[in-house]
Amino acid sequence: MTATATLPEARPDDLTVEVVEWDDPAAAGLRAAQEAEMSVRYGGVDPAPAIDPRSIVVTLVARVGERAVGTAAVRDVSGTDDRRGQGAMHPAATGEVKRVFVDADARGHGIARRLMAELERAARQVGFRRFVLETGTAQPEAMCLYEAIGYEPIDSFGDHVGSEQQRCYGKRL
């Protein structure tokens, strides 16, 4: 999915973000590129558990011109176990941000920031009041982005409890 040419300087009017289905070919291709990159960053270990497509509420694809360069999604985790069987549940109207990714040669143009803003907007429209997310320690740029846009560190949840390579964040929408 990653193009061989460097992305030309993107103007704001060149960047579009559209809602697509989880199985949209552009979104699926970008997720495959993300998985390949994460495998390299984390030494061949797949840090991401499988996602049940039925839990996905919104999937976005960012494009510069016709080229798909980024994706993000949110799934509903309201009422699900957030501490791996320790009795705590995610509150109602909680979404988990999943698979935020921008092609390497398209980074540095504000695309991830725009994807997150559009994801938050779409989530508010369907009634979410809180977002949680997980990222890894081998992704310091992601941690910086989330903190810059108002996400705060929270206790690890779900499959991330006890993992030293993961960092969890939350934000009221």
Protein backbone atom coordinates (compact mmCIF):
# COMPACT_ATOMS: atom_id res chain seq x y z
CA MET A 1 0.00 0.00 0.00
CA THR A 2 2.87 2.38 0.65
CA ALA A 3 3.74 4.33 -2.46
CA THR A 4 7.28 4.68 -3.65
CA ALA A 5 7.00 8.41 -4.30
CA THR A 6 7.02 11.01 -1.58
CA LEU A 7 3.73 12.74 -0.97
CA PRO A 8 3.77 16.24 -2.44
CA GLU A 9 3.03 19.05 -0.02
CA ALA A 10 -0.64 18.58 0.77
CA ARG A 11 -2.88 21.61 0.85
CA PRO A 12 -5.90 21.47 3.17
CA ASP A 13 -8.26 21.30 0.20
CA ASP A 14 -6.35 18.27 -1.16
CA LEU A 15 -7.06 16.24 1.99
CA THR A 16 -10.44 14.57 2.31
CA VAL A 17 -11.69 12.20 4.98
CA GLU A 18 -14.54 9.85 4.20
CA VAL A 19 -16.58 7.35 6.17
CA VAL A 20 -16.22 3.85 4.72
CA GLU A 21 -17.10 0.31 5.72
CA TRP A 22 -14.57 -1.63 7.85
CA ASP A 23 -13.90 -3.97 4.92
CA ASP A 24 -13.35 -1.14 2.41
CA PRO A 25 -10.34 -2.13 0.26
CA ALA A 26 -8.44 1.11 0.96
CA ALA A 27 -8.97 0.81 4.72
CA ALA A 28 -8.04 -2.88 4.68
CA GLY A 29 -4.88 -2.17 2.68
CA LEU A 30 -3.81 0.57 5.08
CA ARG A 31 -4.43 -1.72 8.07
CA ALA A 32 -2.26 -4.38 6.40
CA ALA A 33 0.51 -1.81 5.96
CA GLN A 34 0.13 -0.86 9.62
CA GLU A 35 0.40 -4.47 10.75
CA ALA A 36 3.58 -4.90 8.70
CA GLU A 37 5.09 -1.76 10.23
CA MET A 38 4.11 -2.81 13.77
CA SER A 39 5.69 -6.22 13.21
CA VAL A 40 8.99 -4.49 12.41
CA ARG A 41 8.70 -2.02 15.32
CA TYR A 42 7.89 -4.76 17.83
CA GLY A 43 10.35 -7.38 16.60
CA GLY A 44 7.99 -9.66 14.71
CA VAL A 45 5.43 -9.85 17.50
CA ASP A 46 1.86 -9.02 16.48
CA PRO A 47 0.83 -6.65 19.28
CA ALA A 48 -2.70 -6.16 17.98
CA PRO A 49 -5.50 -8.60 18.82
CA ALA A 50 -8.09 -9.31 16.15
CA ILE A 51 -11.03 -6.92 15.95
CA ASP A 52 -14.60 -8.13 15.59
CA PRO A 53 -15.85 -6.10 12.60
CA ARG A 54 -19.36 -6.09 14.10
CA SER A 55 -18.08 -3.89 16.96
CA ILE A 56 -16.82 -1.17 14.58
CA VAL A 57 -19.04 1.90 14.56
CA VAL A 58 -17.07 4.23 12.28
CA THR A 59 -14.17 3.67 9.87
CA LEU A 60 -12.47 6.57 8.11
CA VAL A 61 -10.08 6.83 5.19
CA ALA A 62 -8.04 9.95 4.49
CA ARG A 63 -7.11 10.72 0.90
CA VAL A 64 -4.80 13.20 -0.75
CA GLY A 65 -6.31 13.50 -4.18
CA GLU A 66 -7.28 9.95 -5.12
CA ARG A 67 -4.60 8.29 -2.96
CA ALA A 68 -5.67 6.69 0.33
CA VAL A 69 -3.02 7.71 2.86
CA GLY A 70 -4.56 7.11 6.30
CA THR A 71 -7.23 5.32 8.25
CA ALA A 72 -8.79 5.21 11.70
CA ALA A 73 -11.76 3.49 13.31
CA VAL A 74 -13.72 3.36 16.54
CA ARG A 75 -15.50 0.43 18.11
CA ASP A 76 -18.10 0.38 20.82
CA VAL A 77 -16.69 -1.00 24.09
CA SER A 78 -19.56 0.23 26.28
CA GLY A 79 -20.22 -2.26 29.05
CA THR A 80 -17.30 -4.51 28.16
CA ASP A 81 -14.68 -5.73 30.63
CA ASP A 82 -11.97 -3.11 30.92
CA ARG A 83 -9.72 -4.83 33.46
CA ARG A 84 -9.43 -8.40 32.21
CA GLY A 85 -11.94 -9.99 34.51
CA GLN A 86 -11.35 -7.75 37.55
CA GLY A 87 -14.98 -6.60 37.60
CA ALA A 88 -14.60 -3.14 36.05
CA MET A 89 -16.58 -2.28 32.93
CA HIS A 90 -16.24 0.51 30.41
CA PRO A 91 -19.03 3.03 31.01
CA ALA A 92 -21.88 3.47 28.53
CA ALA A 93 -21.08 5.56 25.44
CA THR A 94 -17.38 4.56 25.38
CA GLY A 95 -15.59 4.04 22.10
CA GLU A 96 -12.13 2.57 21.59
CA VAL A 97 -10.00 4.17 18.88
CA LYS A 98 -8.52 1.50 16.64
CA ARG A 99 -5.99 1.29 13.84
CA VAL A 100 -4.97 4.92 13.41
CA PHE A 101 -2.40 4.81 10.64
CA VAL A 102 -0.87 7.13 8.05
CA ASP A 103 1.47 5.89 5.32
CA ALA A 104 5.08 6.70 6.21
CA ASP A 105 5.63 9.01 3.25
CA ALA A 106 2.44 10.96 4.05
CA ARG A 107 3.34 11.72 7.66
CA GLY A 108 4.08 15.21 8.88
CA HIS A 109 1.13 16.79 7.06
CA GLY A 110 -1.41 16.71 9.92
CA ILE A 111 -3.31 13.74 8.51
CA ALA A 112 -3.44 11.74 11.77
CA ARG A 113 -4.59 14.84 13.65
CA ARG A 114 -7.34 15.38 11.07
CA LEU A 115 -8.38 11.72 11.24
CA MET A 116 -8.67 11.95 15.02
CA ALA A 117 -10.73 15.16 14.82
CA GLU A 118 -13.10 13.60 12.29
CA LEU A 119 -13.32 10.38 14.32
CA GLU A 120 -14.25 12.36 17.45
CA ARG A 121 -16.84 14.36 15.50
CA ALA A 122 -18.42 11.24 14.01
CA ALA A 123 -18.42 9.51 17.39
CA ARG A 124 -20.18 12.42 19.08
CA GLN A 125 -22.86 12.26 16.39
CA VAL A 126 -23.64 8.64 17.29
CA GLY A 127 -23.63 9.37 21.03
CA PHE A 128 -20.17 8.49 22.32
CA ARG A 129 -19.05 10.59 25.29
CA ARG A 130 -15.65 9.00 25.99
CA PHE A 131 -12.79 7.56 23.95
CA VAL A 132 -10.11 5.16 25.12
CA LEU A 133 -7.17 3.91 23.11
CA GLU A 134 -3.96 1.96 23.34
CA THR A 135 -0.65 2.59 21.66
CA GLY A 136 2.78 1.10 22.12
CA THR A 137 6.04 2.33 23.51
CA ALA A 138 7.67 1.80 20.10
CA GLN A 139 5.35 4.49 18.74
CA PRO A 140 6.47 7.66 20.54
CA GLU A 141 5.07 9.86 17.78
CA ALA A 142 1.61 8.41 18.42
CA MET A 143 1.90 9.05 22.16
CA CYS A 144 2.94 12.66 21.44
CA LEU A 145 -0.01 13.15 19.08
CA TYR A 146 -2.57 11.77 21.54
CA GLU A 147 -1.24 13.90 24.38
CA ALA A 148 -1.14 17.00 22.15
CA ILE A 149 -4.83 16.60 21.28
CA GLY A 150 -6.00 16.16 24.86
CA TYR A 151 -5.76 12.47 25.65
CA GLU A 152 -4.58 11.63 29.15
CA PRO A 153 -2.87 8.47 30.40
CA ILE A 154 -5.30 5.99 31.98
CA ASP A 155 -4.96 2.57 33.58
CA SER A 156 -4.39 -0.23 31.11
CA PHE A 157 -7.56 -2.01 30.04
CA GLY A 158 -8.62 -5.27 28.41
CA ASP A 159 -5.85 -7.19 26.67
CA HIS A 160 -3.37 -4.43 27.56
CA VAL A 161 -3.41 -5.00 31.34
CA GLY A 162 0.07 -5.98 32.49
CA SER A 163 1.83 -5.21 29.21
CA GLU A 164 4.96 -3.11 29.52
CA GLN A 165 4.88 -2.24 25.79
CA GLN A 166 1.47 -0.60 25.81
CA ARG A 167 0.22 2.78 26.98
CA CYS A 168 -3.47 3.56 27.35
CA TYR A 169 -5.15 6.94 27.04
CA GLY A 170 -8.63 8.37 27.49
CA LYS A 171 -10.55 11.51 26.66
CA ARG A 172 -14.03 12.88 27.36
CA LEU A 173 -15.63 13.92 24.10
